[in-house]
Protein backbone atom coordinates (compact mmCIF):
# COMPACT_ATOMS: atom_id res chain seq x y z
CA UNK A 1 43.35 -51.75 -14.07
CA UNK A 2 43.12 -48.03 -13.23
CA UNK A 3 39.52 -47.97 -14.48
CA UNK A 4 38.56 -50.87 -12.22
CA UNK A 5 40.20 -49.17 -9.23
CA UNK A 6 38.41 -45.89 -9.96
CA UNK A 7 35.04 -47.63 -10.36
CA UNK A 8 35.57 -49.68 -7.19
CA UNK A 9 36.48 -46.70 -5.00
CA UNK A 10 33.73 -44.56 -6.52
CA UNK A 11 31.28 -47.40 -5.90
CA UNK A 12 32.44 -47.61 -2.28
CA UNK A 13 31.95 -43.84 -1.95
CA UNK A 14 28.40 -44.18 -3.24
CA UNK A 15 27.89 -47.16 -0.92
CA UNK A 16 29.04 -45.03 2.00
CA UNK A 17 26.43 -42.40 1.12
CA UNK A 18 23.71 -45.06 0.93
CA UNK A 19 24.82 -46.53 4.25
CA UNK A 20 24.66 -43.19 6.06
CA UNK A 21 21.02 -42.90 5.04
CA UNK A 22 20.16 -46.58 5.52
CA UNK A 23 21.75 -46.86 8.98
CA UNK A 24 19.19 -44.45 10.43
CA UNK A 25 16.34 -46.30 8.73
CA UNK A 26 17.60 -49.61 10.17
CA UNK A 27 17.86 -48.20 13.69
CA UNK A 28 14.40 -46.63 13.57
CA UNK A 29 12.70 -49.71 12.16
CA UNK A 30 14.65 -52.12 14.38
CA UNK A 31 13.54 -50.54 17.64
CA UNK A 32 10.33 -48.76 16.76
CA UNK A 33 8.88 -50.68 13.83
CA UNK A 34 8.41 -47.37 11.99
CA UNK A 35 8.98 -47.15 8.25
CA UNK A 36 10.02 -43.51 8.16
CA UNK A 37 9.29 -42.16 4.68
CA UNK A 38 10.23 -38.68 5.92
CA UNK A 39 13.85 -39.80 6.33
CA UNK A 40 14.81 -38.32 2.96
CA UNK A 41 13.53 -34.93 4.12
CA UNK A 42 16.04 -35.03 7.02
CA UNK A 43 18.75 -35.50 4.40
CA UNK A 44 17.50 -32.46 2.49
CA UNK A 45 17.37 -30.41 5.70
CA UNK A 46 20.96 -31.36 6.54
CA UNK A 47 22.16 -30.43 3.05
CA UNK A 48 20.40 -27.07 2.99
CA UNK A 49 21.36 -26.35 6.60
CA UNK A 50 25.03 -26.87 5.73
CA UNK A 51 24.70 -24.82 2.55
CA UNK A 52 22.99 -21.94 4.40
CA UNK A 53 25.45 -22.01 7.32
CA UNK A 54 28.47 -21.86 5.04
CA UNK A 55 27.31 -18.42 3.86
CA UNK A 56 25.57 -16.98 6.92
CA UNK A 57 26.89 -18.59 10.11
CA UNK A 58 29.76 -16.65 11.73
CA UNK A 59 32.96 -18.66 11.55
CA UNK A 60 31.54 -21.15 9.03
CA UNK A 61 32.58 -21.45 5.41
CA UNK A 62 33.83 -23.83 2.74
CA UNK A 63 37.35 -24.32 4.07
CA UNK A 64 38.90 -26.07 7.05
CA UNK A 65 37.15 -25.90 10.39
CA UNK A 66 34.69 -23.42 8.94
CA UNK A 67 33.21 -26.16 6.77
CA UNK A 68 33.17 -28.56 9.73
CA UNK A 69 31.14 -25.94 11.62
CA UNK A 70 28.71 -25.65 8.70
CA UNK A 71 28.26 -29.44 8.58
CA UNK A 72 27.79 -29.55 12.36
CA UNK A 73 25.06 -26.92 12.04
CA UNK A 74 23.29 -28.87 9.30
CA UNK A 75 23.47 -32.10 11.31
CA UNK A 76 22.20 -30.32 14.43
CA UNK A 77 19.19 -28.94 12.55
CA UNK A 78 18.39 -32.36 11.09
CA UNK A 79 18.69 -33.97 14.54
CA UNK A 80 16.42 -31.38 16.15
CA UNK A 81 13.76 -31.67 13.45
CA UNK A 82 13.78 -35.48 13.74
CA UNK A 83 13.41 -35.37 17.54
CA UNK A 84 10.55 -32.87 17.36
CA UNK A 85 8.74 -34.94 14.74
CA UNK A 86 9.03 -38.07 16.89
CA UNK A 87 7.70 -36.26 19.96
CA UNK A 88 4.85 -34.45 18.23
CA UNK A 89 3.69 -36.81 15.48
CA UNK A 90 5.22 -40.30 15.67
CA UNK A 91 4.90 -41.01 19.40
CA UNK A 92 1.06 -40.89 19.42
CA UNK A 93 0.97 -43.35 16.49
CA UNK A 94 3.00 -46.31 17.75
CA UNK A 95 1.34 -49.62 16.78
CA UNK A 96 -0.76 -47.71 14.22
CA UNK A 97 1.29 -48.52 11.15
CA UNK A 98 -1.02 -47.24 8.42
CA UNK A 99 -1.27 -43.86 10.13
CA UNK A 100 2.54 -43.82 10.53
CA UNK A 101 3.03 -44.34 6.81
CA UNK A 102 0.51 -41.63 5.92
CA UNK A 103 2.05 -39.14 8.37
CA UNK A 104 5.66 -39.75 7.31
CA UNK A 105 4.80 -39.61 3.60
CA UNK A 106 2.89 -36.38 4.19
CA UNK A 107 5.80 -34.97 6.19
CA UNK A 108 8.20 -35.82 3.41
CA UNK A 109 6.10 -33.99 0.85
CA UNK A 110 5.48 -31.02 3.16
CA UNK A 111 9.12 -30.53 4.19
CA UNK A 112 10.39 -30.77 0.62
CA UNK A 113 7.69 -28.31 -0.50
CA UNK A 114 8.75 -25.94 2.28
CA UNK A 115 12.38 -26.07 1.18
CA UNK A 116 11.31 -25.50 -2.42
CA UNK A 117 9.16 -22.53 -1.39
CA UNK A 118 11.98 -20.89 0.58
CA UNK A 119 14.98 -21.55 -1.69
CA UNK A 120 13.40 -22.46 -5.02
CA UNK A 121 13.34 -25.65 -7.03
CA UNK A 122 16.60 -25.09 -8.91
CA UNK A 123 19.80 -26.85 -7.78
CA UNK A 124 22.29 -24.79 -5.79
CA UNK A 125 26.08 -25.20 -6.06
CA UNK A 126 27.32 -26.76 -2.84
CA UNK A 127 30.39 -25.37 -1.01
CA UNK A 128 33.19 -27.90 -1.42
CA UNK A 129 36.45 -27.69 0.52
CA UNK A 130 39.43 -27.40 -1.77
CA UNK A 131 40.87 -30.75 -0.65
CA UNK A 132 37.75 -32.60 -1.78
CA UNK A 133 38.09 -31.15 -5.28
CA UNK A 134 41.56 -32.61 -5.77
CA UNK A 135 42.44 -36.22 -6.62
CA UNK A 136 44.73 -38.86 -5.17
CA UNK A 137 46.52 -41.46 -7.27
CA UNK A 138 45.68 -45.05 -6.26
CA UNK A 139 47.25 -47.81 -8.36
CA UNK A 140 47.34 -45.49 -11.35
CA UNK A 141 43.78 -44.21 -10.93
CA UNK A 142 43.13 -40.55 -10.06
CA UNK A 143 40.42 -40.85 -7.43
CA UNK A 144 38.52 -37.73 -6.25
CA UNK A 145 39.22 -37.12 -2.58
CA UNK A 146 35.55 -36.74 -1.70
CA UNK A 147 35.18 -40.52 -2.13
CA UNK A 148 37.65 -41.07 0.71
CA UNK A 149 35.79 -38.56 2.88
CA UNK A 150 32.53 -40.47 2.38
CA UNK A 151 34.12 -43.86 3.02
CA UNK A 152 35.89 -42.64 6.15
CA UNK A 153 32.73 -41.02 7.51
CA UNK A 154 30.69 -44.18 6.94
CA UNK A 155 33.29 -46.30 8.73
CA UNK A 156 33.30 -43.93 11.70
CA UNK A 157 29.49 -44.02 11.87
CA UNK A 158 29.42 -47.83 11.63
CA UNK A 159 31.96 -48.27 14.44
CA UNK A 160 30.26 -45.61 16.58
CA UNK A 161 26.79 -47.19 16.18
CA UNK A 162 28.06 -50.69 16.99
CA UNK A 163 29.89 -49.37 20.06
CA UNK A 164 26.81 -47.41 21.14
CA UNK A 165 24.54 -50.43 20.85
CA UNK A 166 26.88 -52.80 22.66
CA UNK A 167 28.58 -50.73 25.36
CA UNK A 168 26.16 -48.01 26.50
CA UNK A 169 23.09 -48.16 28.70
CA UNK A 170 20.80 -46.74 26.03
CA UNK A 171 22.29 -49.17 23.54
CA UNK A 172 21.46 -52.11 25.80
CA UNK A 173 17.91 -50.77 26.23
CA UNK A 174 17.56 -50.50 22.47
CA UNK A 175 18.81 -54.05 21.89
CA UNK A 176 16.54 -55.38 24.61
CA UNK A 177 13.61 -53.40 23.23
CA UNK A 178 14.11 -54.98 19.82
CA UNK A 179 13.93 -58.45 21.35
CA UNK A 180 11.03 -57.83 23.77
CA UNK A 181 9.66 -54.32 24.06
CA UNK A 182 6.91 -55.33 26.52
CA UNK A 183 9.39 -56.88 28.94
CA UNK A 184 11.61 -53.78 28.94
CA UNK A 185 8.59 -51.59 29.68
CA UNK A 186 7.48 -53.94 32.48
CA UNK A 187 10.90 -53.50 34.14
CA UNK A 188 10.13 -49.81 34.58
CA UNK A 189 12.40 -48.55 31.81
CA UNK A 190 11.03 -45.59 29.87
CA UNK A 191 11.44 -46.91 26.34
CA UNK A 192 9.99 -43.69 24.95
CA UNK A 193 13.24 -41.85 25.69
CA UNK A 194 15.13 -44.49 23.74
CA UNK A 195 12.65 -44.07 20.89
CA UNK A 196 13.24 -40.31 20.76
CA UNK A 197 17.01 -40.80 20.96
CA UNK A 198 17.01 -43.33 18.12
CA UNK A 199 14.84 -41.10 15.93
CA UNK A 200 17.20 -38.19 16.59
CA UNK A 201 20.26 -40.32 15.79
CA UNK A 202 18.62 -41.46 12.56
CA UNK A 203 17.92 -37.84 11.65
CA UNK A 204 21.55 -36.93 12.40
CA UNK A 205 22.87 -39.66 10.10
CA UNK A 206 20.51 -38.59 7.31
CA UNK A 207 21.52 -34.93 7.75
CA UNK A 208 25.20 -35.91 7.62
CA UNK A 209 24.49 -37.85 4.44
CA UNK A 210 22.89 -34.71 3.01
CA UNK A 211 25.96 -32.61 3.76
CA UNK A 212 28.43 -35.17 2.41
CA UNK A 213 26.14 -35.95 -0.53
CA UNK A 214 26.32 -32.29 -1.50
CA UNK A 215 30.11 -32.63 -1.73
CA UNK A 216 29.79 -35.86 -3.75
CA UNK A 217 27.22 -34.49 -6.20
CA UNK A 218 28.46 -30.89 -6.27
CA UNK A 219 25.00 -29.39 -5.79
CA UNK A 220 21.83 -29.75 -3.76
CA UNK A 221 18.15 -29.69 -4.72
CA UNK A 222 14.88 -30.16 -2.80
CA UNK A 223 14.16 -33.61 -4.24
CA UNK A 224 17.65 -34.99 -3.69
CA UNK A 225 16.77 -36.71 -0.43
CA UNK A 226 13.81 -38.53 -1.96
CA UNK A 227 15.88 -40.10 -4.74
CA UNK A 228 18.58 -41.25 -2.32
CA UNK A 229 15.93 -42.61 0.05
CA UNK A 230 14.77 -45.09 -2.59
CA UNK A 231 18.20 -46.71 -2.75
CA UNK A 232 18.53 -46.53 1.03
CA UNK A 233 15.31 -48.54 1.39
CA UNK A 234 16.68 -51.11 -1.05
CA UNK A 235 19.85 -51.34 1.05
CA UNK A 236 17.82 -51.82 4.22
CA UNK A 237 15.71 -54.59 2.67
CA UNK A 238 18.72 -56.42 1.24
CA UNK A 239 20.69 -56.15 4.48
CA UNK A 240 17.83 -57.08 6.79
CA UNK A 241 15.26 -54.61 8.04
CA UNK A 242 16.84 -54.12 11.49
CA UNK A 243 20.53 -54.83 10.90
CA UNK A 244 23.25 -52.18 10.88
CA UNK A 245 25.99 -54.54 9.72
CA UNK A 246 23.64 -56.00 7.12
CA UNK A 247 22.95 -52.48 5.83
CA UNK A 248 26.70 -51.87 5.55
CA UNK A 249 27.26 -55.04 3.52
CA UNK A 250 24.21 -54.38 1.35
CA UNK A 251 25.31 -50.79 0.70
CA UNK A 252 28.68 -52.04 -0.60
CA UNK A 253 26.93 -54.54 -2.90
CA UNK A 254 24.49 -51.95 -4.22
CA UNK A 255 27.13 -49.25 -4.75
CA UNK A 256 29.54 -51.54 -6.60
CA UNK A 257 26.86 -53.18 -8.73
CA UNK A 258 25.44 -49.79 -9.72
CA UNK A 259 28.80 -48.29 -10.66
CA UNK A 260 30.13 -51.23 -12.66
CA UNK A 261 26.83 -51.84 -14.46
CA UNK A 262 26.52 -48.17 -15.45
CA UNK A 263 30.07 -48.16 -16.85
CA UNK A 264 30.28 -51.53 -18.59
CA UNK A 265 26.68 -51.72 -19.81
CA UNK A 266 24.94 -48.37 -20.28
CA UNK A 267 23.84 -45.40 -18.21
CA UNK A 268 20.75 -46.37 -16.25
CA UNK A 269 21.46 -50.10 -16.34
CA UNK A 270 22.98 -49.75 -12.87
CA UNK A 271 19.59 -48.89 -11.39
CA UNK A 272 18.03 -51.90 -13.11
CA UNK A 273 20.84 -54.11 -11.82
CA UNK A 274 20.15 -52.95 -8.26
CA UNK A 275 16.48 -53.85 -8.63
CA UNK A 276 17.46 -57.29 -9.96
CA UNK A 277 19.83 -57.73 -7.01
CA UNK A 278 16.95 -56.88 -4.67
CA UNK A 279 14.72 -59.46 -6.39
CA UNK A 280 17.38 -62.19 -6.12
CA UNK A 281 17.90 -61.51 -2.40
CA UNK A 282 14.16 -61.50 -1.69
CA UNK A 283 13.73 -64.80 -3.54
CA UNK A 284 16.65 -66.55 -1.86
CA UNK A 285 16.73 -64.84 1.56
CA UNK A 286 13.38 -63.12 2.20
CA UNK A 287 14.55 -61.71 5.56
CA UNK A 288 17.65 -60.16 4.01
CA UNK A 289 21.31 -60.90 4.60
CA UNK A 290 20.72 -60.72 8.36
CA UNK A 291 17.77 -59.78 10.53
CA UNK A 292 19.32 -58.59 13.79
CA UNK A 293 20.30 -55.17 15.08
CA UNK A 294 24.12 -55.13 14.99
């Protein structure tokens, strides 16, 4: 029983990490129709920004509010980079999907290469608050506390995004733009501002995933964002390409399937099981579990 509890909570922690990455992808594709292959680079930027700030930013560190400040710095850097990329490179390429793919893939490679050139290709130990290194007993299972941090953060992000989409002016513009972008533009609403905001929010979520992923994995490396992005894309496809709630449900399925398959079968079988899950969903529900934003 304790093993099942540990695997379930660990799977939910992994699912939370996938959701933090996938939520930004869903938002960006839902409004803008952009498959952002540079999204994993935002995750890497957030992780390295947090790691750098914990050592160099005054008042930041690996404990208490100091670590919160370091994470806030990493998220801010990821958000800023995402907004600048949308303004400079993505905005001129709307409705030009092939060029978008080429640009975002190139950006992903370039940003990761830049990180590797500055800080090297070797993994770096990530600063972990003392609380996250301890365990909590749940039904006889000693569960690492970082799993609860990931799950709690994902729940906060999910609730915040749903509230933003449903109860704010920009959220209403985004939802309307998903349904009929031409009509929203004809009403005199500058949809471009909403595009930039959504891209920045997606970058913030990816950067947060990078910071929390460093706690989960214990280290960071330049290619870390790319590997997580693969599973995030799978989550987005299973959940529905423009659905936040669908991404949340799909992330839970993927995280649990991966954890249980790796433990009860063999290491690596979890990845194969996720691919099989993707194939089953595409064969039975080609549009994913749901196809709407929120």
